[in-house]
Amino acid sequence: FTGIASGAAAIAQVLFYIAIVLFLIFLVLGLTV
C-alpha cells in the first residue's frame, strides 16, 4: 500500500520535526529563562 505508506511516513516526519523543535525550545528556555 504505497500511497498509505508515503502518507504515514510524511506524517511521521512532520511529527518528528515538531518534537525536535519543541525539545530545542524547551532546552533553551530551561537553560536561560
ModelCIF file with pLDDT and N, C-alpha, C, O atoms, coordinates in Angstrom:
data_MODEL
#
_entry.id   MODEL 
#
_entity.id                         1 
_entity.type                       polymer 
_entity.pdbx_number_of_molecules   1 
#
_entity_poly.entity_id                      1 
_entity_poly.type                           'polypeptide(L)' 
_entity_poly.nstd_linkage                   no 
_entity_poly.nstd_monomer                   no 
_entity_poly.pdbx_seq_one_letter_code       FTGIASGAAAIAQVLFYIAIVLFLIFLVLGLTV 
_entity_poly.pdbx_seq_one_letter_code_can   FTGIASGAAAIAQVLFYIAIVLFLIFLVLGLTV 
_entity_poly.pdbx_strand_id                 A 
#
loop_
_entity_poly_seq.entity_id 
_entity_poly_seq.num 
_entity_poly_seq.mon_id 
_entity_poly_seq.hetero 
1 1  PHE n 
1 2  THR n 
1 3  GLY n 
1 4  ILE n 
1 5  ALA n 
1 6  SER n 
1 7  GLY n 
1 8  ALA n 
1 9  ALA n 
1 10 ALA n 
1 11 ILE n 
1 12 ALA n 
1 13 GLN n 
1 14 VAL n 
1 15 LEU n 
1 16 PHE n 
1 17 TYR n 
1 18 ILE n 
1 19 ALA n 
1 20 ILE n 
1 21 VAL n 
1 22 LEU n 
1 23 PHE n 
1 24 LEU n 
1 25 ILE n 
1 26 PHE n 
1 27 LEU n 
1 28 VAL n 
1 29 LEU n 
1 30 GLY n 
1 31 LEU n 
1 32 THR n 
1 33 VAL n 
#
_struct_asym.id          A 
_struct_asym.entity_id   1 
#
loop_
_ma_qa_metric.id 
_ma_qa_metric.mode 
_ma_qa_metric.name 
_ma_qa_metric.software_group_id 
_ma_qa_metric.type 
1 global pLDDT . pLDDT 
2 local  pLDDT . pLDDT 
#
_ma_qa_metric_global.metric_id      1 
_ma_qa_metric_global.metric_value   92.61 
_ma_qa_metric_global.model_id       1 
_ma_qa_metric_global.ordinal_id     1 
#
loop_
_ma_qa_metric_local.label_asym_id 
_ma_qa_metric_local.label_comp_id 
_ma_qa_metric_local.label_seq_id 
_ma_qa_metric_local.metric_id 
_ma_qa_metric_local.metric_value 
_ma_qa_metric_local.model_id 
_ma_qa_metric_local.ordinal_id 
A PHE 1  2 92.00 1 1  
A THR 2  2 90.00 1 2  
A GLY 3  2 92.00 1 3  
A ILE 4  2 91.00 1 4  
A ALA 5  2 92.00 1 5  
A SER 6  2 93.00 1 6  
A GLY 7  2 93.00 1 7  
A ALA 8  2 93.00 1 8  
A ALA 9  2 93.00 1 9  
A ALA 10 2 94.00 1 10 
A ILE 11 2 94.00 1 11 
A ALA 12 2 93.00 1 12 
A GLN 13 2 94.00 1 13 
A VAL 14 2 94.00 1 14 
A LEU 15 2 94.00 1 15 
A PHE 16 2 94.00 1 16 
A TYR 17 2 96.00 1 17 
A ILE 18 2 95.00 1 18 
A ALA 19 2 95.00 1 19 
A ILE 20 2 96.00 1 20 
A VAL 21 2 96.00 1 21 
A LEU 22 2 95.00 1 22 
A PHE 23 2 95.00 1 23 
A LEU 24 2 96.00 1 24 
A ILE 25 2 95.00 1 25 
A PHE 26 2 92.00 1 26 
A LEU 27 2 93.00 1 27 
A VAL 28 2 92.00 1 28 
A LEU 29 2 89.00 1 29 
A GLY 30 2 87.00 1 30 
A LEU 31 2 88.00 1 31 
A THR 32 2 87.00 1 32 
A VAL 33 2 83.00 1 33 
#
loop_
_atom_site.group_PDB 
_atom_site.id 
_atom_site.type_symbol 
_atom_site.label_atom_id 
_atom_site.label_alt_id 
_atom_site.label_comp_id 
_atom_site.label_asym_id 
_atom_site.label_entity_id 
_atom_site.label_seq_id 
_atom_site.pdbx_PDB_ins_code 
_atom_site.Cartn_x 
_atom_site.Cartn_y 
_atom_site.Cartn_z 
_atom_site.occupancy 
_atom_site.B_iso_or_equiv 
_atom_site.pdbx_formal_charge 
_atom_site.auth_seq_id 
_atom_site.auth_comp_id 
_atom_site.auth_asym_id 
_atom_site.auth_atom_id 
_atom_site.pdbx_PDB_model_num 
ATOM 1   N N  . PHE A 1 1  ? 0.851  -1.186 0.000  1.00 92.00 ? 1  PHE A N  1 
ATOM 2   C CA . PHE A 1 1  ? 0.000  0.000  0.000  1.00 92.00 ? 1  PHE A CA 1 
ATOM 3   C C  . PHE A 1 1  ? 0.893  1.245  0.000  1.00 92.00 ? 1  PHE A C  1 
ATOM 4   O O  . PHE A 1 1  ? 1.081  1.886  1.034  1.00 92.00 ? 1  PHE A O  1 
ATOM 5   N N  . THR A 1 2  ? 1.436  1.574  -1.164 1.00 90.00 ? 2  THR A N  1 
ATOM 6   C CA . THR A 1 2  ? 2.452  2.630  -1.220 1.00 90.00 ? 2  THR A CA 1 
ATOM 7   C C  . THR A 1 2  ? 1.882  4.013  -0.937 1.00 90.00 ? 2  THR A C  1 
ATOM 8   O O  . THR A 1 2  ? 2.579  4.862  -0.381 1.00 90.00 ? 2  THR A O  1 
ATOM 9   N N  . GLY A 1 3  ? 0.645  4.252  -1.303 1.00 92.00 ? 3  GLY A N  1 
ATOM 10  C CA . GLY A 1 3  ? 0.041  5.556  -1.033 1.00 92.00 ? 3  GLY A CA 1 
ATOM 11  C C  . GLY A 1 3  ? -0.130 5.798  0.456  1.00 92.00 ? 3  GLY A C  1 
ATOM 12  O O  . GLY A 1 3  ? 0.188  6.874  0.961  1.00 92.00 ? 3  GLY A O  1 
ATOM 13  N N  . ILE A 1 4  ? -0.631 4.798  1.150  1.00 91.00 ? 4  ILE A N  1 
ATOM 14  C CA . ILE A 1 4  ? -0.805 4.903  2.596  1.00 91.00 ? 4  ILE A CA 1 
ATOM 15  C C  . ILE A 1 4  ? 0.558  4.973  3.275  1.00 91.00 ? 4  ILE A C  1 
ATOM 16  O O  . ILE A 1 4  ? 0.731  5.705  4.250  1.00 91.00 ? 4  ILE A O  1 
ATOM 17  N N  . ALA A 1 5  ? 1.520  4.216  2.765  1.00 92.00 ? 5  ALA A N  1 
ATOM 18  C CA . ALA A 1 5  ? 2.851  4.210  3.356  1.00 92.00 ? 5  ALA A CA 1 
ATOM 19  C C  . ALA A 1 5  ? 3.516  5.573  3.236  1.00 92.00 ? 5  ALA A C  1 
ATOM 20  O O  . ALA A 1 5  ? 4.135  6.047  4.189  1.00 92.00 ? 5  ALA A O  1 
ATOM 21  N N  . SER A 1 6  ? 3.397  6.203  2.085  1.00 93.00 ? 6  SER A N  1 
ATOM 22  C CA . SER A 1 6  ? 4.030  7.517  1.921  1.00 93.00 ? 6  SER A CA 1 
ATOM 23  C C  . SER A 1 6  ? 3.310  8.583  2.744  1.00 93.00 ? 6  SER A C  1 
ATOM 24  O O  . SER A 1 6  ? 3.949  9.501  3.259  1.00 93.00 ? 6  SER A O  1 
ATOM 25  N N  . GLY A 1 7  ? 2.005  8.473  2.872  1.00 93.00 ? 7  GLY A N  1 
ATOM 26  C CA . GLY A 1 7  ? 1.264  9.416  3.706  1.00 93.00 ? 7  GLY A CA 1 
ATOM 27  C C  . GLY A 1 7  ? 1.616  9.281  5.174  1.00 93.00 ? 7  GLY A C  1 
ATOM 28  O O  . GLY A 1 7  ? 1.817  10.281 5.863  1.00 93.00 ? 7  GLY A O  1 
ATOM 29  N N  . ALA A 1 8  ? 1.690  8.060  5.652  1.00 93.00 ? 8  ALA A N  1 
ATOM 30  C CA . ALA A 1 8  ? 2.052  7.832  7.049  1.00 93.00 ? 8  ALA A CA 1 
ATOM 31  C C  . ALA A 1 8  ? 3.484  8.249  7.321  1.00 93.00 ? 8  ALA A C  1 
ATOM 32  O O  . ALA A 1 8  ? 3.784  8.770  8.394  1.00 93.00 ? 8  ALA A O  1 
ATOM 33  N N  . ALA A 1 9  ? 4.372  8.026  6.362  1.00 93.00 ? 9  ALA A N  1 
ATOM 34  C CA . ALA A 1 9  ? 5.767  8.439  6.532  1.00 93.00 ? 9  ALA A CA 1 
ATOM 35  C C  . ALA A 1 9  ? 5.881  9.958  6.578  1.00 93.00 ? 9  ALA A C  1 
ATOM 36  O O  . ALA A 1 9  ? 6.677  10.497 7.347  1.00 93.00 ? 9  ALA A O  1 
ATOM 37  N N  . ALA A 1 10 ? 5.101  10.643 5.771  1.00 94.00 ? 10 ALA A N  1 
ATOM 38  C CA . ALA A 1 10 ? 5.127  12.109 5.783  1.00 94.00 ? 10 ALA A CA 1 
ATOM 39  C C  . ALA A 1 10 ? 4.615  12.656 7.113  1.00 94.00 ? 10 ALA A C  1 
ATOM 40  O O  . ALA A 1 10 ? 5.185  13.604 7.654  1.00 94.00 ? 10 ALA A O  1 
ATOM 41  N N  . ILE A 1 11 ? 3.553  12.072 7.637  1.00 94.00 ? 11 ILE A N  1 
ATOM 42  C CA . ILE A 1 11 ? 3.018  12.487 8.930  1.00 94.00 ? 11 ILE A CA 1 
ATOM 43  C C  . ILE A 1 11 ? 4.036  12.220 10.036 1.00 94.00 ? 11 ILE A C  1 
ATOM 44  O O  . ILE A 1 11 ? 4.237  13.058 10.915 1.00 94.00 ? 11 ILE A O  1 
ATOM 45  N N  . ALA A 1 12 ? 4.675  11.055 9.991  1.00 93.00 ? 12 ALA A N  1 
ATOM 46  C CA . ALA A 1 12 ? 5.685  10.718 10.997 1.00 93.00 ? 12 ALA A CA 1 
ATOM 47  C C  . ALA A 1 12 ? 6.852  11.687 10.943 1.00 93.00 ? 12 ALA A C  1 
ATOM 48  O O  . ALA A 1 12 ? 7.382  12.080 11.982 1.00 93.00 ? 12 ALA A O  1 
ATOM 49  N N  . GLN A 1 13 ? 7.258  12.076 9.744  1.00 94.00 ? 13 GLN A N  1 
ATOM 50  C CA . GLN A 1 13 ? 8.370  13.012 9.589  1.00 94.00 ? 13 GLN A CA 1 
ATOM 51  C C  . GLN A 1 13 ? 8.009  14.386 10.153 1.00 94.00 ? 13 GLN A C  1 
ATOM 52  O O  . GLN A 1 13 ? 8.822  15.000 10.843 1.00 94.00 ? 13 GLN A O  1 
ATOM 53  N N  . VAL A 1 14 ? 6.825  14.864 9.874  1.00 94.00 ? 14 VAL A N  1 
ATOM 54  C CA . VAL A 1 14 ? 6.395  16.166 10.390 1.00 94.00 ? 14 VAL A CA 1 
ATOM 55  C C  . VAL A 1 14 ? 6.317  16.144 11.916 1.00 94.00 ? 14 VAL A C  1 
ATOM 56  O O  . VAL A 1 14 ? 6.787  17.071 12.575 1.00 94.00 ? 14 VAL A O  1 
ATOM 57  N N  . LEU A 1 15 ? 5.730  15.098 12.474 1.00 94.00 ? 15 LEU A N  1 
ATOM 58  C CA . LEU A 1 15 ? 5.634  14.996 13.930 1.00 94.00 ? 15 LEU A CA 1 
ATOM 59  C C  . LEU A 1 15 ? 7.007  14.917 14.577 1.00 94.00 ? 15 LEU A C  1 
ATOM 60  O O  . LEU A 1 15 ? 7.223  15.489 15.646 1.00 94.00 ? 15 LEU A O  1 
ATOM 61  N N  . PHE A 1 16 ? 7.939  14.215 13.939 1.00 94.00 ? 16 PHE A N  1 
ATOM 62  C CA . PHE A 1 16 ? 9.290  14.111 14.473 1.00 94.00 ? 16 PHE A CA 1 
ATOM 63  C C  . PHE A 1 16 ? 9.965  15.473 14.490 1.00 94.00 ? 16 PHE A C  1 
ATOM 64  O O  . PHE A 1 16 ? 10.594 15.836 15.484 1.00 94.00 ? 16 PHE A O  1 
ATOM 65  N N  . TYR A 1 17 ? 9.843  16.233 13.403 1.00 96.00 ? 17 TYR A N  1 
ATOM 66  C CA . TYR A 1 17 ? 10.471 17.556 13.354 1.00 96.00 ? 17 TYR A CA 1 
ATOM 67  C C  . TYR A 1 17 ? 9.834  18.520 14.352 1.00 96.00 ? 17 TYR A C  1 
ATOM 68  O O  . TYR A 1 17 ? 10.533 19.342 14.945 1.00 96.00 ? 17 TYR A O  1 
ATOM 69  N N  . ILE A 1 18 ? 8.527  18.432 14.545 1.00 95.00 ? 18 ILE A N  1 
ATOM 70  C CA . ILE A 1 18 ? 7.871  19.273 15.548 1.00 95.00 ? 18 ILE A CA 1 
ATOM 71  C C  . ILE A 1 18 ? 8.372  18.922 16.939 1.00 95.00 ? 18 ILE A C  1 
ATOM 72  O O  . ILE A 1 18 ? 8.606  19.813 17.756 1.00 95.00 ? 18 ILE A O  1 
ATOM 73  N N  . ALA A 1 19 ? 8.539  17.638 17.218 1.00 95.00 ? 19 ALA A N  1 
ATOM 74  C CA . ALA A 1 19 ? 9.047  17.214 18.523 1.00 95.00 ? 19 ALA A CA 1 
ATOM 75  C C  . ALA A 1 19 ? 10.473 17.714 18.747 1.00 95.00 ? 19 ALA A C  1 
ATOM 76  O O  . ALA A 1 19 ? 10.809 18.134 19.854 1.00 95.00 ? 19 ALA A O  1 
ATOM 77  N N  . ILE A 1 20 ? 11.308 17.677 17.722 1.00 96.00 ? 20 ILE A N  1 
ATOM 78  C CA . ILE A 1 20 ? 12.681 18.171 17.846 1.00 96.00 ? 20 ILE A CA 1 
ATOM 79  C C  . ILE A 1 20 ? 12.699 19.668 18.100 1.00 96.00 ? 20 ILE A C  1 
ATOM 80  O O  . ILE A 1 20 ? 13.464 20.142 18.940 1.00 96.00 ? 20 ILE A O  1 
ATOM 81  N N  . VAL A 1 21 ? 11.870 20.417 17.391 1.00 96.00 ? 21 VAL A N  1 
ATOM 82  C CA . VAL A 1 21 ? 11.811 21.870 17.582 1.00 96.00 ? 21 VAL A CA 1 
ATOM 83  C C  . VAL A 1 21 ? 11.327 22.200 18.993 1.00 96.00 ? 21 VAL A C  1 
ATOM 84  O O  . VAL A 1 21 ? 11.887 23.079 19.647 1.00 96.00 ? 21 VAL A O  1 
ATOM 85  N N  . LEU A 1 22 ? 10.300 21.510 19.462 1.00 95.00 ? 22 LEU A N  1 
ATOM 86  C CA . LEU A 1 22 ? 9.811  21.751 20.819 1.00 95.00 ? 22 LEU A CA 1 
ATOM 87  C C  . LEU A 1 22 ? 10.871 21.393 21.860 1.00 95.00 ? 22 LEU A C  1 
ATOM 88  O O  . LEU A 1 22 ? 11.019 22.095 22.860 1.00 95.00 ? 22 LEU A O  1 
ATOM 89  N N  . PHE A 1 23 ? 11.599 20.319 21.635 1.00 95.00 ? 23 PHE A N  1 
ATOM 90  C CA . PHE A 1 23 ? 12.673 19.949 22.543 1.00 95.00 ? 23 PHE A CA 1 
ATOM 91  C C  . PHE A 1 23 ? 13.732 21.041 22.612 1.00 95.00 ? 23 PHE A C  1 
ATOM 92  O O  . PHE A 1 23 ? 14.184 21.400 23.700 1.00 95.00 ? 23 PHE A O  1 
ATOM 93  N N  . LEU A 1 24 ? 14.128 21.566 21.467 1.00 96.00 ? 24 LEU A N  1 
ATOM 94  C CA . LEU A 1 24 ? 15.147 22.614 21.445 1.00 96.00 ? 24 LEU A CA 1 
ATOM 95  C C  . LEU A 1 24 ? 14.660 23.898 22.116 1.00 96.00 ? 24 LEU A C  1 
ATOM 96  O O  . LEU A 1 24 ? 15.426 24.557 22.819 1.00 96.00 ? 24 LEU A O  1 
ATOM 97  N N  . ILE A 1 25 ? 13.404 24.253 21.905 1.00 95.00 ? 25 ILE A N  1 
ATOM 98  C CA . ILE A 1 25 ? 12.847 25.453 22.538 1.00 95.00 ? 25 ILE A CA 1 
ATOM 99  C C  . ILE A 1 25 ? 12.845 25.297 24.052 1.00 95.00 ? 25 ILE A C  1 
ATOM 100 O O  . ILE A 1 25 ? 13.269 26.202 24.771 1.00 95.00 ? 25 ILE A O  1 
ATOM 101 N N  . PHE A 1 26 ? 12.372 24.159 24.538 1.00 92.00 ? 26 PHE A N  1 
ATOM 102 C CA . PHE A 1 26 ? 12.330 23.953 25.989 1.00 92.00 ? 26 PHE A CA 1 
ATOM 103 C C  . PHE A 1 26 ? 13.725 23.811 26.586 1.00 92.00 ? 26 PHE A C  1 
ATOM 104 O O  . PHE A 1 26 ? 13.945 24.178 27.740 1.00 92.00 ? 26 PHE A O  1 
ATOM 105 N N  . LEU A 1 27 ? 14.656 23.287 25.820 1.00 93.00 ? 27 LEU A N  1 
ATOM 106 C CA . LEU A 1 27 ? 16.033 23.207 26.291 1.00 93.00 ? 27 LEU A CA 1 
ATOM 107 C C  . LEU A 1 27 ? 16.629 24.587 26.479 1.00 93.00 ? 27 LEU A C  1 
ATOM 108 O O  . LEU A 1 27 ? 17.258 24.860 27.501 1.00 93.00 ? 27 LEU A O  1 
ATOM 109 N N  . VAL A 1 28 ? 16.435 25.462 25.496 1.00 92.00 ? 28 VAL A N  1 
ATOM 110 C CA . VAL A 1 28 ? 16.943 26.825 25.596 1.00 92.00 ? 28 VAL A CA 1 
ATOM 111 C C  . VAL A 1 28 ? 16.252 27.575 26.730 1.00 92.00 ? 28 VAL A C  1 
ATOM 112 O O  . VAL A 1 28 ? 16.905 28.287 27.493 1.00 92.00 ? 28 VAL A O  1 
ATOM 113 N N  . LEU A 1 29 ? 14.954 27.418 26.841 1.00 89.00 ? 29 LEU A N  1 
ATOM 114 C CA . LEU A 1 29 ? 14.232 28.077 27.927 1.00 89.00 ? 29 LEU A CA 1 
ATOM 115 C C  . LEU A 1 29 ? 14.691 27.556 29.287 1.00 89.00 ? 29 LEU A C  1 
ATOM 116 O O  . LEU A 1 29 ? 14.836 28.329 30.233 1.00 89.00 ? 29 LEU A O  1 
ATOM 117 N N  . GLY A 1 30 ? 14.916 26.271 29.382 1.00 87.00 ? 30 GLY A N  1 
ATOM 118 C CA . GLY A 1 30 ? 15.354 25.699 30.639 1.00 87.00 ? 30 GLY A CA 1 
ATOM 119 C C  . GLY A 1 30 ? 16.739 26.157 31.039 1.00 87.00 ? 30 GLY A C  1 
ATOM 120 O O  . GLY A 1 30 ? 17.036 26.282 32.227 1.00 87.00 ? 30 GLY A O  1 
ATOM 121 N N  . LEU A 1 31 ? 17.584 26.407 30.064 1.00 88.00 ? 31 LEU A N  1 
ATOM 122 C CA . LEU A 1 31 ? 18.946 26.840 30.367 1.00 88.00 ? 31 LEU A CA 1 
ATOM 123 C C  . LEU A 1 31 ? 19.058 28.338 30.600 1.00 88.00 ? 31 LEU A C  1 
ATOM 124 O O  . LEU A 1 31 ? 20.029 28.790 31.207 1.00 88.00 ? 31 LEU A O  1 
ATOM 125 N N  . THR A 1 32 ? 18.091 29.121 30.134 1.00 87.00 ? 32 THR A N  1 
ATOM 126 C CA . THR A 1 32 ? 18.201 30.578 30.234 1.00 87.00 ? 32 THR A CA 1 
ATOM 127 C C  . THR A 1 32 ? 17.129 31.189 31.127 1.00 87.00 ? 32 THR A C  1 
ATOM 128 O O  . THR A 1 32 ? 17.427 31.635 32.235 1.00 87.00 ? 32 THR A O  1 
ATOM 129 N N  . VAL A 1 33 ? 15.935 31.213 30.676 1.00 83.00 ? 33 VAL A N  1 
ATOM 130 C CA . VAL A 1 33 ? 14.854 31.973 31.326 1.00 83.00 ? 33 VAL A CA 1 
ATOM 131 C C  . VAL A 1 33 ? 14.539 31.430 32.714 1.00 83.00 ? 33 VAL A C  1 
ATOM 132 O O  . VAL A 1 33 ? 13.657 31.953 33.396 1.00 83.00 ? 33 VAL A O  1 
#
